[in-house]
């Protein structure tokens, strides 16, 4: 009898692990479940055939229990408290007339970036930063300084004009920072995505997240994130 009871517990645990894997593999399921927007019975009917392919002993009840347990472990209440703390004193900063270019990552290109960075008027609010990949570098710069890279000619892989920056900066005193909080960036990008705003690039420092957007989307993006900040401030 003891062996049979242990076996049942093992089956339930295996089912729970499989359910967690299925939910975590789907951003839609993960987010809507945490928000309490999914009918549990409908979700069981969706997941059960997949779970039974890996665990034939899984049944409706064991999958339902696993879903309820997952919800209890991941429900949003604590996340809202942390997000509210991070967002309540955050500020949004907009910058238009931004230009992006992508070049091959070479030693001469890095030397040019270093030279241009010394010419940028940081004290006057000029913008320049770059994102490195294994073979390419994307440079974000204000349009008035873009001519400094014209000498690269055909080595420029891609150019994009009429861009803008929308930055969220944490300015208040807090016990947590966004880089330490799972889901913080997701909350921002999901808000932009839900409003049909495409994020072209993302850069970040310890207390600031910078979104590179089409200039035509800047006002709408600002309003969307400002609404998100006010939403959490009212909690």
Protein backbone atom coordinates (compact mmCIF):
# COMPACT_ATOMS: atom_id res chain seq x y z
CA UNK A 1 0.00 0.00 0.00
CA UNK A 2 2.83 2.39 0.84
CA UNK A 3 4.44 1.74 -2.57
CA UNK A 4 1.16 2.45 -4.39
CA UNK A 5 0.66 5.70 -2.45
CA UNK A 6 4.21 6.84 -3.25
CA UNK A 7 3.62 6.00 -6.91
CA UNK A 8 0.47 8.16 -7.00
CA UNK A 9 2.38 11.09 -5.50
CA UNK A 10 5.13 10.57 -8.09
CA UNK A 11 2.56 10.59 -10.92
CA UNK A 12 1.01 13.81 -9.62
CA UNK A 13 4.43 15.47 -9.35
CA UNK A 14 5.32 14.39 -12.89
CA UNK A 15 2.04 15.81 -14.16
CA UNK A 16 2.70 19.07 -12.34
CA UNK A 17 6.12 19.38 -13.95
CA UNK A 18 4.68 18.74 -17.41
CA UNK A 19 1.91 21.29 -16.85
CA UNK A 20 4.46 23.90 -15.76
CA UNK A 21 6.51 23.23 -18.89
CA UNK A 22 3.47 23.64 -21.15
CA UNK A 23 2.34 26.88 -19.51
CA UNK A 24 5.83 28.42 -19.42
CA UNK A 25 6.38 27.62 -23.09
CA UNK A 26 3.41 29.83 -24.03
CA UNK A 27 3.62 33.56 -23.24
CA UNK A 28 -0.13 33.88 -23.84
CA UNK A 29 -1.07 31.08 -21.42
CA UNK A 30 1.42 32.25 -18.82
CA UNK A 31 0.22 35.85 -18.78
CA UNK A 32 -3.52 35.19 -18.97
CA UNK A 33 -3.36 32.49 -16.29
CA UNK A 34 -1.48 34.77 -13.88
CA UNK A 35 -4.16 37.41 -14.47
CA UNK A 36 -6.92 34.90 -13.72
CA UNK A 37 -8.47 35.20 -17.19
CA UNK A 38 -8.54 31.50 -18.16
CA UNK A 39 -11.26 28.97 -17.46
CA UNK A 40 -9.48 26.09 -15.70
CA UNK A 41 -11.65 23.33 -17.17
CA UNK A 42 -11.10 24.62 -20.70
CA UNK A 43 -7.35 24.78 -20.07
CA UNK A 44 -7.33 21.20 -18.77
CA UNK A 45 -9.06 20.01 -21.96
CA UNK A 46 -6.42 21.85 -23.99
CA UNK A 47 -3.41 20.49 -22.10
CA UNK A 48 -4.50 16.96 -21.15
CA UNK A 49 -3.85 15.30 -24.56
CA UNK A 50 -0.32 16.78 -24.65
CA UNK A 51 0.40 15.76 -21.05
CA UNK A 52 -0.83 12.20 -21.64
CA UNK A 53 1.66 11.77 -24.49
CA UNK A 54 4.41 11.97 -21.85
CA UNK A 55 2.53 10.65 -18.83
CA UNK A 56 -0.26 8.19 -19.66
CA UNK A 57 -1.46 8.18 -16.03
CA UNK A 58 -2.29 11.89 -16.12
CA UNK A 59 -6.03 12.60 -15.83
CA UNK A 60 -8.39 15.56 -15.70
CA UNK A 61 -8.12 15.93 -11.92
CA UNK A 62 -4.32 15.77 -11.70
CA UNK A 63 -3.91 18.37 -14.47
CA UNK A 64 -6.50 20.62 -12.82
CA UNK A 65 -4.64 20.43 -9.49
CA UNK A 66 -1.36 21.25 -11.25
CA UNK A 67 -2.89 24.32 -12.92
CA UNK A 68 -4.35 25.56 -9.64
CA UNK A 69 -0.99 25.07 -7.93
CA UNK A 70 0.80 26.96 -10.71
CA UNK A 71 -1.64 29.86 -10.39
CA UNK A 72 -1.17 30.02 -6.61
CA UNK A 73 2.60 30.13 -7.05
CA UNK A 74 2.61 32.78 -9.79
CA UNK A 75 -0.45 34.98 -9.27
CA UNK A 76 0.16 38.67 -9.89
CA UNK A 77 -0.42 40.20 -6.50
CA UNK A 78 3.21 40.32 -5.40
CA UNK A 79 4.31 41.34 -8.90
CA UNK A 80 1.96 44.32 -8.81
CA UNK A 81 3.44 45.46 -5.51
CA UNK A 82 6.98 45.33 -6.91
CA UNK A 83 6.00 46.92 -10.23
CA UNK A 84 4.15 49.66 -8.39
CA UNK A 85 7.20 50.39 -6.26
CA UNK A 86 9.44 50.58 -9.34
CA UNK A 87 7.05 52.60 -11.49
CA UNK A 88 5.62 55.09 -9.01
CA UNK A 89 8.58 57.48 -9.24
CA UNK A 90 9.72 56.59 -12.75
CA UNK A 91 9.83 59.21 -15.48
CA UNK A 92 9.40 58.97 -19.23
CA UNK A 93 11.75 60.86 -21.54
CA UNK A 94 11.18 61.38 -25.28
CA UNK A 95 13.70 62.22 -27.97
CA UNK A 96 13.00 62.51 -31.70
CA UNK A 97 15.16 62.95 -34.82
CA UNK A 98 17.07 59.73 -34.18
CA UNK A 99 18.97 57.73 -36.79
CA UNK A 100 20.11 54.10 -36.78
CA UNK A 101 22.76 52.37 -38.85
CA UNK A 102 24.12 48.84 -38.77
CA UNK A 103 27.68 48.10 -39.85
CA UNK A 104 30.06 45.16 -39.92
CA UNK A 105 31.93 44.63 -36.68
CA UNK A 106 35.54 45.33 -37.60
CA UNK A 107 38.54 46.93 -35.94
CA UNK A 108 38.34 50.07 -38.16
CA UNK A 109 34.62 50.40 -37.33
CA UNK A 110 35.36 50.26 -33.59
CA UNK A 111 38.10 52.86 -34.03
CA UNK A 112 35.65 55.17 -35.82
CA UNK A 113 33.03 54.71 -33.09
CA UNK A 114 35.64 55.62 -30.48
CA UNK A 115 36.65 58.73 -32.48
CA UNK A 116 33.05 59.89 -32.97
CA UNK A 117 32.20 59.35 -29.30
CA UNK A 118 34.90 61.87 -28.38
CA UNK A 119 33.30 64.44 -30.68
CA UNK A 120 29.76 64.03 -29.37
CA UNK A 121 28.51 66.96 -27.26
CA UNK A 122 27.19 64.98 -24.32
CA UNK A 123 26.81 68.25 -22.37
CA UNK A 124 24.43 69.52 -25.08
CA UNK A 125 22.21 66.44 -24.97
CA UNK A 126 23.62 64.72 -28.06
CA UNK A 127 22.75 61.04 -28.39
CA UNK A 128 24.96 58.12 -29.35
CA UNK A 129 25.06 54.51 -28.20
CA UNK A 130 25.66 51.21 -29.91
CA UNK A 131 24.68 47.57 -29.59
CA UNK A 132 27.18 44.87 -30.50
CA UNK A 133 26.43 41.50 -31.99
CA UNK A 134 28.98 38.84 -32.91
CA UNK A 135 29.36 40.19 -36.46
CA UNK A 136 27.46 43.49 -36.56
CA UNK A 137 27.15 46.76 -34.66
CA UNK A 138 24.02 48.90 -34.58
CA UNK A 139 24.66 52.56 -33.82
CA UNK A 140 21.90 54.82 -32.52
CA UNK A 141 22.71 58.50 -33.01
CA UNK A 142 20.90 61.82 -33.40
CA UNK A 143 20.39 62.90 -36.98
CA UNK A 144 22.65 65.96 -36.75
CA UNK A 145 25.64 63.67 -36.06
CA UNK A 146 24.86 60.87 -38.51
CA UNK A 147 27.14 62.37 -41.19
CA UNK A 148 30.12 61.39 -39.03
CA UNK A 149 29.60 57.82 -40.27
CA UNK A 150 29.13 58.64 -43.98
CA UNK A 151 32.72 57.61 -44.64
CA UNK A 152 31.72 53.96 -44.11
CA UNK A 153 29.86 53.99 -47.42
CA UNK A 154 29.02 50.47 -48.62
CA UNK A 155 30.07 48.98 -45.28
CA UNK A 156 26.75 50.23 -43.88
CA UNK A 157 24.40 47.23 -43.91
CA UNK A 158 21.22 49.06 -42.95
CA UNK A 159 20.08 52.64 -42.35
CA UNK A 160 16.92 53.84 -40.61
CA UNK A 161 15.81 57.45 -40.30
CA UNK A 162 12.77 59.09 -38.65
CA UNK A 163 13.25 57.22 -35.40
CA UNK A 164 12.74 58.27 -31.79
CA UNK A 165 13.72 57.22 -28.27
CA UNK A 166 11.39 56.62 -25.37
CA UNK A 167 13.18 56.07 -22.06
CA UNK A 168 11.84 54.96 -18.71
CA UNK A 169 14.13 56.05 -15.89
CA UNK A 170 13.84 54.97 -12.27
CA UNK A 171 14.47 58.07 -10.19
CA UNK A 172 13.02 57.24 -6.77
CA UNK A 173 14.61 55.40 -3.86
CA UNK A 174 13.61 51.75 -3.92
CA UNK A 175 14.70 48.42 -2.48
CA UNK A 176 14.51 46.79 -5.93
CA UNK A 177 15.61 47.72 -9.42
CA UNK A 178 13.99 46.64 -12.66
CA UNK A 179 16.93 44.46 -13.72
CA UNK A 180 16.36 42.35 -10.61
CA UNK A 181 12.62 41.84 -11.17
CA UNK A 182 11.41 39.06 -13.52
CA UNK A 183 8.68 40.31 -15.84
CA UNK A 184 9.42 44.03 -15.56
CA UNK A 185 10.62 44.40 -19.14
CA UNK A 186 7.83 42.09 -20.29
CA UNK A 187 5.24 44.42 -18.72
CA UNK A 188 6.61 47.33 -20.76
CA UNK A 189 7.00 45.50 -24.08
CA UNK A 190 3.61 43.81 -23.73
CA UNK A 191 1.98 47.20 -23.20
CA UNK A 192 3.61 48.55 -26.35
CA UNK A 193 2.75 45.41 -28.33
CA UNK A 194 -0.87 45.52 -27.18
CA UNK A 195 -1.06 49.03 -28.66
CA UNK A 196 0.45 47.88 -32.00
CA UNK A 197 3.74 49.69 -31.37
CA UNK A 198 6.81 48.03 -32.84
CA UNK A 199 10.02 48.15 -30.81
CA UNK A 200 12.99 48.44 -33.19
CA UNK A 201 15.73 48.17 -30.55
CA UNK A 202 16.15 48.12 -26.78
CA UNK A 203 19.09 49.30 -24.70
CA UNK A 204 19.39 49.61 -20.95
CA UNK A 205 21.54 50.81 -18.08
CA UNK A 206 21.10 49.92 -14.44
CA UNK A 207 18.18 52.32 -13.89
CA UNK A 208 17.03 53.20 -17.40
CA UNK A 209 15.41 51.29 -20.28
CA UNK A 210 15.52 52.87 -23.74
CA UNK A 211 13.18 51.88 -26.57
CA UNK A 212 14.00 52.77 -30.17
CA UNK A 213 10.73 53.37 -32.04
CA UNK A 214 9.38 54.78 -35.28
CA UNK A 215 8.87 58.49 -34.80
CA UNK A 216 5.21 58.18 -35.81
CA UNK A 217 4.62 55.88 -32.81
CA UNK A 218 6.33 58.04 -30.19
CA UNK A 219 3.31 59.90 -28.83
CA UNK A 220 1.17 56.76 -28.69
CA UNK A 221 3.98 54.83 -26.99
CA UNK A 222 4.40 57.57 -24.39
CA UNK A 223 0.68 57.60 -23.64
CA UNK A 224 0.61 53.78 -23.33
CA UNK A 225 3.47 53.58 -20.83
CA UNK A 226 2.23 56.64 -18.94
CA UNK A 227 -1.14 54.89 -18.55
CA UNK A 228 0.66 51.77 -17.28
CA UNK A 229 2.56 53.82 -14.68
CA UNK A 230 -0.66 55.49 -13.48
CA UNK A 231 -2.40 52.10 -13.35
CA UNK A 232 0.14 50.70 -10.91
CA UNK A 233 0.25 53.92 -8.92
CA UNK A 234 -3.45 53.52 -8.12
CA UNK A 235 -2.98 50.02 -6.68
